[in-house]
Amino acid sequence: MSVKINFTFQKLEAINQIWHAIDTLIPQTPKEKAMLSAIQDLAVKFERKQVNLKYSYNPTSSYYMTLKSYEAYFLEMFIRDLLKGMLESYTRTVVYQLADYINQKLA
């Protein structure tokens, strides 16, 4: 199963602002280690997407990315559990909307 995520370039920029929180993680359990590994891979995937789109940027375009179900699950966990109170209002709105969307698709 996979989850297809649609976004604008501005929303992608907002999503990419959350990856700095990876540096604060100190995994202790196998579950936390697996989440950290998946989140690091997702950070690279999202940042690469932003760099690729930067040169073909169209403000009216909508873009998409497909995540595997485990990637989507760990991304939702990362957003909900670890980013509480760490984000500015627009970024928080965008990433929590993403978490809600992922939750609906995985249910």
N, C-alpha and C. Protein backbone atom coordinates (compact mmCIF):
# COMPACT_ATOMS: atom_id res chain seq x y z
N MET A 1 0.84 -1.18 0.00
CA MET A 1 0.00 0.00 0.00
C MET A 1 0.88 1.24 0.00
N SER A 2 0.42 2.26 -0.68
CA SER A 2 1.16 3.52 -0.70
C SER A 2 0.20 4.68 -0.50
N VAL A 3 0.76 5.81 -0.13
CA VAL A 3 -0.02 7.02 0.13
C VAL A 3 0.50 8.11 -0.80
N LYS A 4 -0.39 8.65 -1.60
CA LYS A 4 -0.03 9.72 -2.54
C LYS A 4 -0.33 11.07 -1.88
N ILE A 5 0.68 11.92 -1.79
CA ILE A 5 0.55 13.22 -1.14
C ILE A 5 0.63 14.31 -2.21
N ASN A 6 -0.37 15.18 -2.22
CA ASN A 6 -0.38 16.33 -3.13
C ASN A 6 0.00 17.57 -2.35
N PHE A 7 0.74 18.47 -2.98
CA PHE A 7 1.15 19.69 -2.30
C PHE A 7 1.56 20.75 -3.32
N THR A 8 1.57 21.99 -2.87
CA THR A 8 2.13 23.09 -3.67
C THR A 8 3.59 23.26 -3.28
N PHE A 9 4.30 24.07 -4.02
CA PHE A 9 5.71 24.30 -3.71
C PHE A 9 5.86 24.97 -2.34
N GLN A 10 4.96 25.89 -2.00
CA GLN A 10 5.03 26.56 -0.71
C GLN A 10 4.80 25.58 0.44
N LYS A 11 3.89 24.65 0.26
CA LYS A 11 3.65 23.64 1.30
C LYS A 11 4.85 22.72 1.43
N LEU A 12 5.49 22.39 0.32
CA LEU A 12 6.69 21.57 0.37
C LEU A 12 7.80 22.28 1.14
N GLU A 13 7.94 23.59 0.92
CA GLU A 13 8.93 24.36 1.69
C GLU A 13 8.62 24.31 3.18
N ALA A 14 7.34 24.43 3.53
CA ALA A 14 6.94 24.38 4.94
C ALA A 14 7.23 23.00 5.54
N ILE A 15 6.93 21.94 4.79
CA ILE A 15 7.20 20.59 5.28
C ILE A 15 8.69 20.40 5.51
N ASN A 16 9.50 20.95 4.63
CA ASN A 16 10.95 20.77 4.76
C ASN A 16 11.55 21.54 5.94
N GLN A 17 10.78 22.37 6.59
CA GLN A 17 11.27 23.07 7.77
C GLN A 17 11.24 22.19 9.02
N ILE A 18 10.60 21.04 8.96
CA ILE A 18 10.49 20.20 10.16
C ILE A 18 11.69 19.29 10.37
N TRP A 19 12.51 19.13 9.37
CA TRP A 19 13.59 18.14 9.45
C TRP A 19 14.68 18.52 10.45
N HIS A 20 14.77 19.78 10.84
CA HIS A 20 15.78 20.17 11.84
C HIS A 20 15.56 19.46 13.18
N ALA A 21 14.33 19.02 13.42
CA ALA A 21 14.03 18.34 14.68
C ALA A 21 14.67 16.95 14.75
N ILE A 22 15.13 16.43 13.63
CA ILE A 22 15.78 15.12 13.63
C ILE A 22 17.01 15.14 14.54
N ASP A 23 17.71 16.26 14.55
CA ASP A 23 18.93 16.37 15.34
C ASP A 23 18.68 16.25 16.84
N THR A 24 17.44 16.47 17.27
CA THR A 24 17.12 16.41 18.70
C THR A 24 16.75 15.00 19.16
N LEU A 25 16.59 14.08 18.21
CA LEU A 25 16.15 12.73 18.56
C LEU A 25 17.32 11.89 19.06
N ILE A 26 17.07 11.17 20.13
CA ILE A 26 18.02 10.20 20.67
C ILE A 26 17.25 8.89 20.82
N PRO A 27 17.30 8.06 19.78
CA PRO A 27 16.51 6.83 19.82
C PRO A 27 17.05 5.83 20.85
N GLN A 28 16.14 5.21 21.57
CA GLN A 28 16.55 4.25 22.59
C GLN A 28 15.93 2.88 22.36
N THR A 29 14.74 2.84 21.82
CA THR A 29 14.08 1.55 21.57
C THR A 29 14.22 1.19 20.09
N PRO A 30 14.02 -0.06 19.75
CA PRO A 30 14.07 -0.45 18.33
C PRO A 30 13.05 0.32 17.48
N LYS A 31 11.87 0.59 18.05
CA LYS A 31 10.84 1.34 17.33
C LYS A 31 11.33 2.76 17.03
N GLU A 32 11.96 3.40 18.00
CA GLU A 32 12.48 4.76 17.81
C GLU A 32 13.62 4.77 16.79
N LYS A 33 14.44 3.74 16.81
CA LYS A 33 15.54 3.64 15.84
C LYS A 33 15.00 3.47 14.42
N ALA A 34 13.96 2.65 14.28
CA ALA A 34 13.33 2.46 12.98
C ALA A 34 12.69 3.75 12.49
N MET A 35 12.03 4.47 13.40
CA MET A 35 11.40 5.74 13.02
C MET A 35 12.46 6.74 12.58
N LEU A 36 13.55 6.84 13.32
CA LEU A 36 14.60 7.78 12.97
C LEU A 36 15.18 7.47 11.60
N SER A 37 15.41 6.22 11.31
CA SER A 37 15.95 5.82 10.02
C SER A 37 14.98 6.19 8.89
N ALA A 38 13.70 5.90 9.08
CA ALA A 38 12.70 6.23 8.07
C ALA A 38 12.57 7.74 7.89
N ILE A 39 12.62 8.48 8.99
CA ILE A 39 12.48 9.94 8.91
C ILE A 39 13.69 10.56 8.21
N GLN A 40 14.87 10.05 8.47
CA GLN A 40 16.06 10.56 7.77
C GLN A 40 15.95 10.32 6.27
N ASP A 41 15.46 9.15 5.88
CA ASP A 41 15.26 8.87 4.45
C ASP A 41 14.21 9.79 3.85
N LEU A 42 13.13 10.04 4.60
CA LEU A 42 12.08 10.94 4.12
C LEU A 42 12.59 12.37 3.99
N ALA A 43 13.43 12.78 4.91
CA ALA A 43 13.97 14.14 4.83
C ALA A 43 14.75 14.31 3.53
N VAL A 44 15.55 13.33 3.19
CA VAL A 44 16.32 13.39 1.94
C VAL A 44 15.36 13.40 0.74
N LYS A 45 14.34 12.57 0.80
CA LYS A 45 13.37 12.46 -0.30
C LYS A 45 12.63 13.79 -0.52
N PHE A 46 12.15 14.40 0.56
CA PHE A 46 11.42 15.67 0.45
C PHE A 46 12.33 16.81 0.03
N GLU A 47 13.53 16.86 0.59
CA GLU A 47 14.45 17.94 0.22
C GLU A 47 14.90 17.81 -1.22
N ARG A 48 15.12 16.60 -1.68
CA ARG A 48 15.48 16.37 -3.08
C ARG A 48 14.36 16.82 -4.00
N LYS A 49 13.12 16.55 -3.60
CA LYS A 49 11.96 16.97 -4.39
C LYS A 49 11.91 18.48 -4.49
N GLN A 50 12.19 19.17 -3.39
CA GLN A 50 12.17 20.63 -3.41
C GLN A 50 13.26 21.18 -4.32
N VAL A 51 14.44 20.61 -4.26
CA VAL A 51 15.54 21.08 -5.13
C VAL A 51 15.19 20.86 -6.59
N ASN A 52 14.63 19.69 -6.92
CA ASN A 52 14.25 19.41 -8.31
C ASN A 52 13.17 20.34 -8.81
N LEU A 53 12.22 20.69 -7.95
CA LEU A 53 11.13 21.55 -8.37
C LEU A 53 11.52 23.02 -8.39
N LYS A 54 12.57 23.37 -7.70
CA LYS A 54 12.99 24.77 -7.60
C LYS A 54 13.26 25.37 -8.98
N TYR A 55 13.77 24.56 -9.88
CA TYR A 55 14.14 25.07 -11.20
C TYR A 55 13.00 24.96 -12.21
N SER A 56 11.95 24.25 -11.87
CA SER A 56 10.78 24.17 -12.74
C SER A 56 9.55 24.72 -12.01
N TYR A 57 9.79 25.65 -11.12
CA TYR A 57 8.75 26.18 -10.23
C TYR A 57 7.65 26.87 -11.02
N ASN A 58 6.42 26.51 -10.71
CA ASN A 58 5.24 27.16 -11.26
C ASN A 58 4.29 27.38 -10.08
N PRO A 59 3.99 28.63 -9.74
CA PRO A 59 3.21 28.89 -8.52
C PRO A 59 1.79 28.31 -8.55
N THR A 60 1.26 28.01 -9.72
CA THR A 60 -0.10 27.47 -9.79
C THR A 60 -0.12 25.95 -9.87
N SER A 61 1.03 25.33 -9.94
CA SER A 61 1.08 23.88 -10.09
C SER A 61 0.93 23.16 -8.76
N SER A 62 0.40 21.97 -8.85
CA SER A 62 0.31 21.08 -7.70
C SER A 62 1.19 19.88 -8.01
N TYR A 63 1.94 19.45 -7.03
CA TYR A 63 2.87 18.35 -7.21
C TYR A 63 2.47 17.20 -6.30
N TYR A 64 3.06 16.06 -6.50
CA TYR A 64 2.74 14.92 -5.64
C TYR A 64 3.98 14.09 -5.38
N MET A 65 3.86 13.29 -4.34
CA MET A 65 4.90 12.35 -3.95
C MET A 65 4.19 11.12 -3.39
N THR A 66 4.74 9.95 -3.67
CA THR A 66 4.15 8.72 -3.17
C THR A 66 5.04 8.16 -2.07
N LEU A 67 4.43 7.88 -0.93
CA LEU A 67 5.14 7.30 0.21
C LEU A 67 4.66 5.88 0.43
N LYS A 68 5.57 5.01 0.82
CA LYS A 68 5.19 3.67 1.22
C LYS A 68 4.44 3.78 2.55
N SER A 69 3.64 2.79 2.86
CA SER A 69 2.80 2.88 4.05
C SER A 69 3.61 3.05 5.33
N TYR A 70 4.75 2.38 5.45
CA TYR A 70 5.56 2.54 6.67
C TYR A 70 6.18 3.93 6.73
N GLU A 71 6.53 4.52 5.58
CA GLU A 71 7.07 5.88 5.57
C GLU A 71 5.99 6.86 6.02
N ALA A 72 4.79 6.68 5.49
CA ALA A 72 3.68 7.55 5.87
C ALA A 72 3.37 7.42 7.37
N TYR A 73 3.38 6.21 7.87
CA TYR A 73 3.11 5.98 9.30
C TYR A 73 4.14 6.67 10.18
N PHE A 74 5.41 6.48 9.88
CA PHE A 74 6.45 7.10 10.69
C PHE A 74 6.45 8.63 10.55
N LEU A 75 6.10 9.14 9.38
CA LEU A 75 6.01 10.59 9.20
C LEU A 75 4.88 11.14 10.07
N GLU A 76 3.76 10.46 10.09
CA GLU A 76 2.65 10.92 10.94
C GLU A 76 3.06 10.88 12.41
N MET A 77 3.71 9.81 12.84
CA MET A 77 4.18 9.72 14.23
C MET A 77 5.14 10.85 14.56
N PHE A 78 6.06 11.12 13.66
CA PHE A 78 7.05 12.19 13.85
C PHE A 78 6.36 13.53 14.03
N ILE A 79 5.40 13.81 13.17
CA ILE A 79 4.68 15.08 13.24
C ILE A 79 3.88 15.19 14.54
N ARG A 80 3.12 14.18 14.85
CA ARG A 80 2.22 14.25 16.02
C ARG A 80 2.95 14.17 17.35
N ASP A 81 3.93 13.31 17.46
CA ASP A 81 4.57 13.07 18.75
C ASP A 81 5.75 13.97 19.05
N LEU A 82 6.50 14.33 18.05
CA LEU A 82 7.77 15.00 18.32
C LEU A 82 7.80 16.47 17.99
N LEU A 83 6.83 16.95 17.25
CA LEU A 83 6.88 18.35 16.83
C LEU A 83 5.92 19.25 17.60
N LYS A 84 5.42 18.77 18.71
CA LYS A 84 4.47 19.57 19.50
C LYS A 84 5.12 20.88 19.94
N GLY A 85 4.53 21.98 19.53
CA GLY A 85 4.99 23.30 19.97
C GLY A 85 6.31 23.76 19.39
N MET A 86 6.83 23.07 18.39
CA MET A 86 8.13 23.44 17.84
C MET A 86 8.05 24.27 16.56
N LEU A 87 6.85 24.54 16.06
CA LEU A 87 6.72 25.13 14.74
C LEU A 87 5.97 26.45 14.77
N GLU A 88 6.25 27.29 13.77
CA GLU A 88 5.48 28.52 13.61
C GLU A 88 4.11 28.17 13.05
N SER A 89 3.19 29.11 13.05
CA SER A 89 1.79 28.80 12.78
C SER A 89 1.54 28.22 11.38
N TYR A 90 2.10 28.82 10.31
CA TYR A 90 1.83 28.30 8.97
C TYR A 90 2.40 26.90 8.80
N THR A 91 3.63 26.70 9.23
CA THR A 91 4.26 25.39 9.12
C THR A 91 3.49 24.35 9.92
N ARG A 92 3.07 24.73 11.12
CA ARG A 92 2.30 23.81 11.97
C ARG A 92 1.00 23.42 11.27
N THR A 93 0.31 24.39 10.68
CA THR A 93 -0.94 24.10 9.98
C THR A 93 -0.71 23.13 8.83
N VAL A 94 0.32 23.37 8.04
CA VAL A 94 0.60 22.53 6.88
C VAL A 94 0.95 21.11 7.31
N VAL A 95 1.84 20.96 8.29
CA VAL A 95 2.26 19.60 8.65
C VAL A 95 1.17 18.84 9.40
N TYR A 96 0.36 19.52 10.18
CA TYR A 96 -0.74 18.81 10.84
C TYR A 96 -1.83 18.43 9.84
N GLN A 97 -2.04 19.23 8.81
CA GLN A 97 -2.96 18.83 7.74
C GLN A 97 -2.42 17.60 7.03
N LEU A 98 -1.11 17.56 6.82
CA LEU A 98 -0.48 16.39 6.22
C LEU A 98 -0.66 15.16 7.11
N ALA A 99 -0.46 15.32 8.41
CA ALA A 99 -0.64 14.20 9.34
C ALA A 99 -2.08 13.71 9.33
N ASP A 100 -3.04 14.62 9.28
CA ASP A 100 -4.45 14.23 9.23
C ASP A 100 -4.76 13.47 7.94
N TYR A 101 -4.21 13.96 6.83
CA TYR A 101 -4.41 13.31 5.54
C TYR A 101 -3.83 11.89 5.55
N ILE A 102 -2.62 11.75 6.07
CA ILE A 102 -1.98 10.43 6.15
C ILE A 102 -2.81 9.50 7.02
N ASN A 103 -3.29 10.01 8.15
CA ASN A 103 -4.10 9.20 9.06
C ASN A 103 -5.35 8.67 8.34
N GLN A 104 -5.99 9.52 7.57
CA GLN A 104 -7.19 9.10 6.83
C GLN A 104 -6.85 8.02 5.80
N LYS A 105 -5.74 8.18 5.11
CA LYS A 105 -5.36 7.23 4.07
C LYS A 105 -4.93 5.88 4.65
N LEU A 106 -4.32 5.89 5.82
CA LEU A 106 -3.86 4.65 6.43
C LEU A 106 -4.97 3.91 7.17
N ALA A 107 -6.06 4.61 7.49
CA ALA A 107 -7.17 3.99 8.25
C ALA A 107 -7.94 3.00 7.41
